[in-house]
């Protein structure tokens, strides 16, 4: 949505730049793997949406792994 608003204001944001920015974005404290074997994951989710996102990520990345 922010990119759409910027484009409406005349700011050029290419799709390549958008995709690269999203791919390289870092959110410390959001599904941050601090250690492996055993896995220690840090997540600062503080509302129901954040908790649901954490659960979805845990299922996606760890559902088929042996710990």
N, C-alpha and C. Protein backbone atom coordinates (compact mmCIF):
# COMPACT_ATOMS: atom_id res chain seq x y z
N UNK A 1 0.82 -1.18 0.00
CA UNK A 1 0.00 0.00 0.00
C UNK A 1 0.88 1.26 0.00
N UNK A 2 1.96 1.22 0.77
CA UNK A 2 2.85 2.38 0.82
C UNK A 2 3.44 2.67 -0.55
N UNK A 3 3.81 1.62 -1.28
CA UNK A 3 4.37 1.82 -2.62
C UNK A 3 3.32 2.41 -3.55
N UNK A 4 2.10 1.97 -3.43
CA UNK A 4 1.02 2.53 -4.26
C UNK A 4 0.86 4.02 -3.99
N UNK A 5 0.88 4.42 -2.73
CA UNK A 5 0.75 5.84 -2.38
C UNK A 5 1.94 6.62 -2.93
N UNK A 6 3.14 6.09 -2.77
CA UNK A 6 4.32 6.76 -3.31
C UNK A 6 4.22 6.93 -4.81
N UNK A 7 3.77 5.91 -5.50
CA UNK A 7 3.62 5.99 -6.96
C UNK A 7 2.58 7.05 -7.33
N UNK A 8 1.49 7.12 -6.59
CA UNK A 8 0.48 8.15 -6.85
C UNK A 8 1.03 9.55 -6.65
N UNK A 9 2.02 9.68 -5.76
CA UNK A 9 2.64 10.98 -5.51
C UNK A 9 3.76 11.28 -6.51
N UNK A 10 3.99 10.36 -7.44
CA UNK A 10 4.99 10.59 -8.47
C UNK A 10 6.35 10.00 -8.18
N UNK A 11 6.48 9.26 -7.10
CA UNK A 11 7.76 8.62 -6.78
C UNK A 11 7.84 7.31 -7.56
N UNK A 12 8.94 7.16 -8.30
CA UNK A 12 9.10 5.94 -9.09
C UNK A 12 9.69 4.84 -8.23
N UNK A 13 8.94 3.75 -8.12
CA UNK A 13 9.40 2.55 -7.41
C UNK A 13 9.17 1.39 -8.36
N UNK A 14 10.26 0.82 -8.86
CA UNK A 14 10.12 -0.29 -9.80
C UNK A 14 9.69 -1.56 -9.06
N UNK A 15 9.08 -2.45 -9.79
CA UNK A 15 8.70 -3.74 -9.19
C UNK A 15 9.94 -4.50 -8.74
N UNK A 16 11.04 -4.39 -9.52
CA UNK A 16 12.27 -5.06 -9.12
C UNK A 16 12.77 -4.54 -7.78
N UNK A 17 12.73 -3.21 -7.60
CA UNK A 17 13.18 -2.62 -6.33
C UNK A 17 12.27 -3.05 -5.19
N UNK A 18 10.98 -3.12 -5.44
CA UNK A 18 10.03 -3.56 -4.43
C UNK A 18 10.32 -4.99 -4.00
N UNK A 19 10.46 -5.89 -4.97
CA UNK A 19 10.71 -7.30 -4.66
C UNK A 19 12.04 -7.49 -3.95
N UNK A 20 13.08 -6.76 -4.40
CA UNK A 20 14.39 -6.87 -3.78
C UNK A 20 14.33 -6.38 -2.33
N UNK A 21 13.64 -5.27 -2.10
CA UNK A 21 13.52 -4.74 -0.75
C UNK A 21 12.80 -5.69 0.19
N UNK A 22 11.73 -6.29 -0.31
CA UNK A 22 10.99 -7.25 0.53
C UNK A 22 11.83 -8.50 0.81
N UNK A 23 12.56 -8.95 -0.20
CA UNK A 23 13.38 -10.14 -0.04
C UNK A 23 14.51 -9.92 0.96
N UNK A 24 15.08 -8.73 0.97
CA UNK A 24 16.23 -8.45 1.82
C UNK A 24 15.88 -7.80 3.16
N UNK A 25 14.60 -7.57 3.39
CA UNK A 25 14.18 -6.92 4.64
C UNK A 25 14.54 -7.78 5.85
N UNK A 26 15.00 -7.15 6.88
CA UNK A 26 15.32 -7.83 8.14
C UNK A 26 14.47 -7.21 9.24
N UNK A 27 13.84 -8.05 10.02
CA UNK A 27 13.04 -7.61 11.16
C UNK A 27 13.58 -8.28 12.40
N UNK A 28 14.59 -7.71 13.03
CA UNK A 28 15.12 -8.34 14.25
C UNK A 28 14.01 -8.56 15.27
N UNK A 29 14.02 -9.75 15.83
CA UNK A 29 13.01 -10.07 16.83
C UNK A 29 11.73 -10.64 16.25
N UNK A 30 11.69 -10.81 14.94
CA UNK A 30 10.52 -11.44 14.30
C UNK A 30 11.00 -12.72 13.65
N UNK A 31 10.64 -13.84 14.24
CA UNK A 31 11.04 -15.17 13.80
C UNK A 31 12.55 -15.20 13.55
N UNK A 32 13.27 -14.72 14.53
CA UNK A 32 14.73 -14.66 14.45
C UNK A 32 15.31 -15.93 15.08
N UNK A 33 16.04 -16.70 14.29
CA UNK A 33 16.65 -17.93 14.80
C UNK A 33 17.95 -17.55 15.47
N UNK A 34 18.00 -17.72 16.78
CA UNK A 34 19.17 -17.37 17.56
C UNK A 34 20.17 -18.51 17.64
N UNK A 35 19.67 -19.75 17.60
CA UNK A 35 20.54 -20.91 17.75
C UNK A 35 19.88 -22.11 17.08
N UNK A 36 20.71 -23.00 16.58
CA UNK A 36 20.23 -24.27 16.04
C UNK A 36 20.80 -25.40 16.89
N UNK A 37 20.07 -26.47 17.00
CA UNK A 37 20.47 -27.68 17.72
C UNK A 37 20.76 -27.43 19.19
N UNK A 38 19.79 -27.18 20.00
CA UNK A 38 18.37 -27.09 19.65
C UNK A 38 18.03 -25.71 19.12
N UNK A 39 16.95 -25.66 18.36
CA UNK A 39 16.51 -24.38 17.82
C UNK A 39 16.00 -23.47 18.94
N UNK A 40 16.45 -22.23 18.88
CA UNK A 40 15.91 -21.19 19.75
C UNK A 40 15.46 -20.07 18.83
N UNK A 41 14.15 -19.80 18.85
CA UNK A 41 13.56 -18.79 17.96
C UNK A 41 13.03 -17.65 18.81
N UNK A 42 13.38 -16.45 18.43
CA UNK A 42 12.89 -15.24 19.11
C UNK A 42 11.82 -14.59 18.25
N UNK A 43 10.70 -14.27 18.85
CA UNK A 43 9.66 -13.55 18.13
C UNK A 43 8.96 -12.61 19.09
N UNK A 44 8.88 -11.36 18.71
CA UNK A 44 8.28 -10.34 19.56
C UNK A 44 6.82 -10.08 19.27
N UNK A 45 6.13 -11.06 18.67
CA UNK A 45 4.70 -10.89 18.41
C UNK A 45 3.96 -10.57 19.69
N UNK A 46 3.17 -9.51 19.67
CA UNK A 46 2.52 -9.06 20.90
C UNK A 46 1.01 -8.91 20.76
N UNK A 47 0.48 -9.37 19.62
CA UNK A 47 -0.97 -9.35 19.46
C UNK A 47 -1.38 -10.64 18.75
N UNK A 48 -2.67 -10.85 18.61
CA UNK A 48 -3.16 -12.12 18.05
C UNK A 48 -2.67 -12.32 16.62
N UNK A 49 -2.57 -11.25 15.83
CA UNK A 49 -2.09 -11.38 14.45
C UNK A 49 -0.62 -11.83 14.44
N UNK A 50 0.20 -11.25 15.32
CA UNK A 50 1.60 -11.63 15.41
C UNK A 50 1.78 -13.06 15.87
N UNK A 51 0.96 -13.47 16.82
CA UNK A 51 1.02 -14.84 17.33
C UNK A 51 0.60 -15.83 16.24
N UNK A 52 -0.46 -15.49 15.51
CA UNK A 52 -0.90 -16.35 14.41
C UNK A 52 0.18 -16.46 13.34
N UNK A 53 0.86 -15.35 13.03
CA UNK A 53 1.95 -15.38 12.05
C UNK A 53 3.09 -16.27 12.54
N UNK A 54 3.41 -16.20 13.83
CA UNK A 54 4.45 -17.06 14.40
C UNK A 54 4.06 -18.53 14.27
N UNK A 55 2.84 -18.86 14.62
CA UNK A 55 2.38 -20.25 14.53
C UNK A 55 2.47 -20.73 13.08
N UNK A 56 2.03 -19.92 12.14
CA UNK A 56 2.10 -20.30 10.73
C UNK A 56 3.55 -20.52 10.29
N UNK A 57 4.45 -19.64 10.72
CA UNK A 57 5.86 -19.78 10.37
C UNK A 57 6.46 -21.03 10.98
N UNK A 58 6.13 -21.30 12.23
CA UNK A 58 6.65 -22.50 12.90
C UNK A 58 6.19 -23.75 12.15
N UNK A 59 4.93 -23.79 11.77
CA UNK A 59 4.41 -24.94 11.02
C UNK A 59 5.12 -25.07 9.68
N UNK A 60 5.32 -23.94 9.01
CA UNK A 60 5.93 -23.95 7.68
C UNK A 60 7.37 -24.44 7.74
N UNK A 61 8.16 -23.93 8.67
CA UNK A 61 9.59 -24.22 8.71
C UNK A 61 9.96 -25.44 9.53
N UNK A 62 9.15 -25.82 10.51
CA UNK A 62 9.55 -26.88 11.42
C UNK A 62 8.63 -28.09 11.44
N UNK A 63 7.58 -28.09 10.69
CA UNK A 63 6.60 -29.17 10.75
C UNK A 63 7.20 -30.52 10.40
N UNK A 64 8.17 -30.55 9.48
CA UNK A 64 8.72 -31.83 9.04
C UNK A 64 10.13 -32.09 9.54
N UNK A 65 10.62 -31.26 10.46
CA UNK A 65 11.97 -31.44 10.96
C UNK A 65 11.97 -32.20 12.28
N UNK A 66 13.00 -32.97 12.48
CA UNK A 66 13.17 -33.65 13.77
C UNK A 66 14.04 -32.75 14.62
N UNK A 67 13.65 -32.56 15.87
CA UNK A 67 14.37 -31.63 16.75
C UNK A 67 15.11 -32.37 17.82
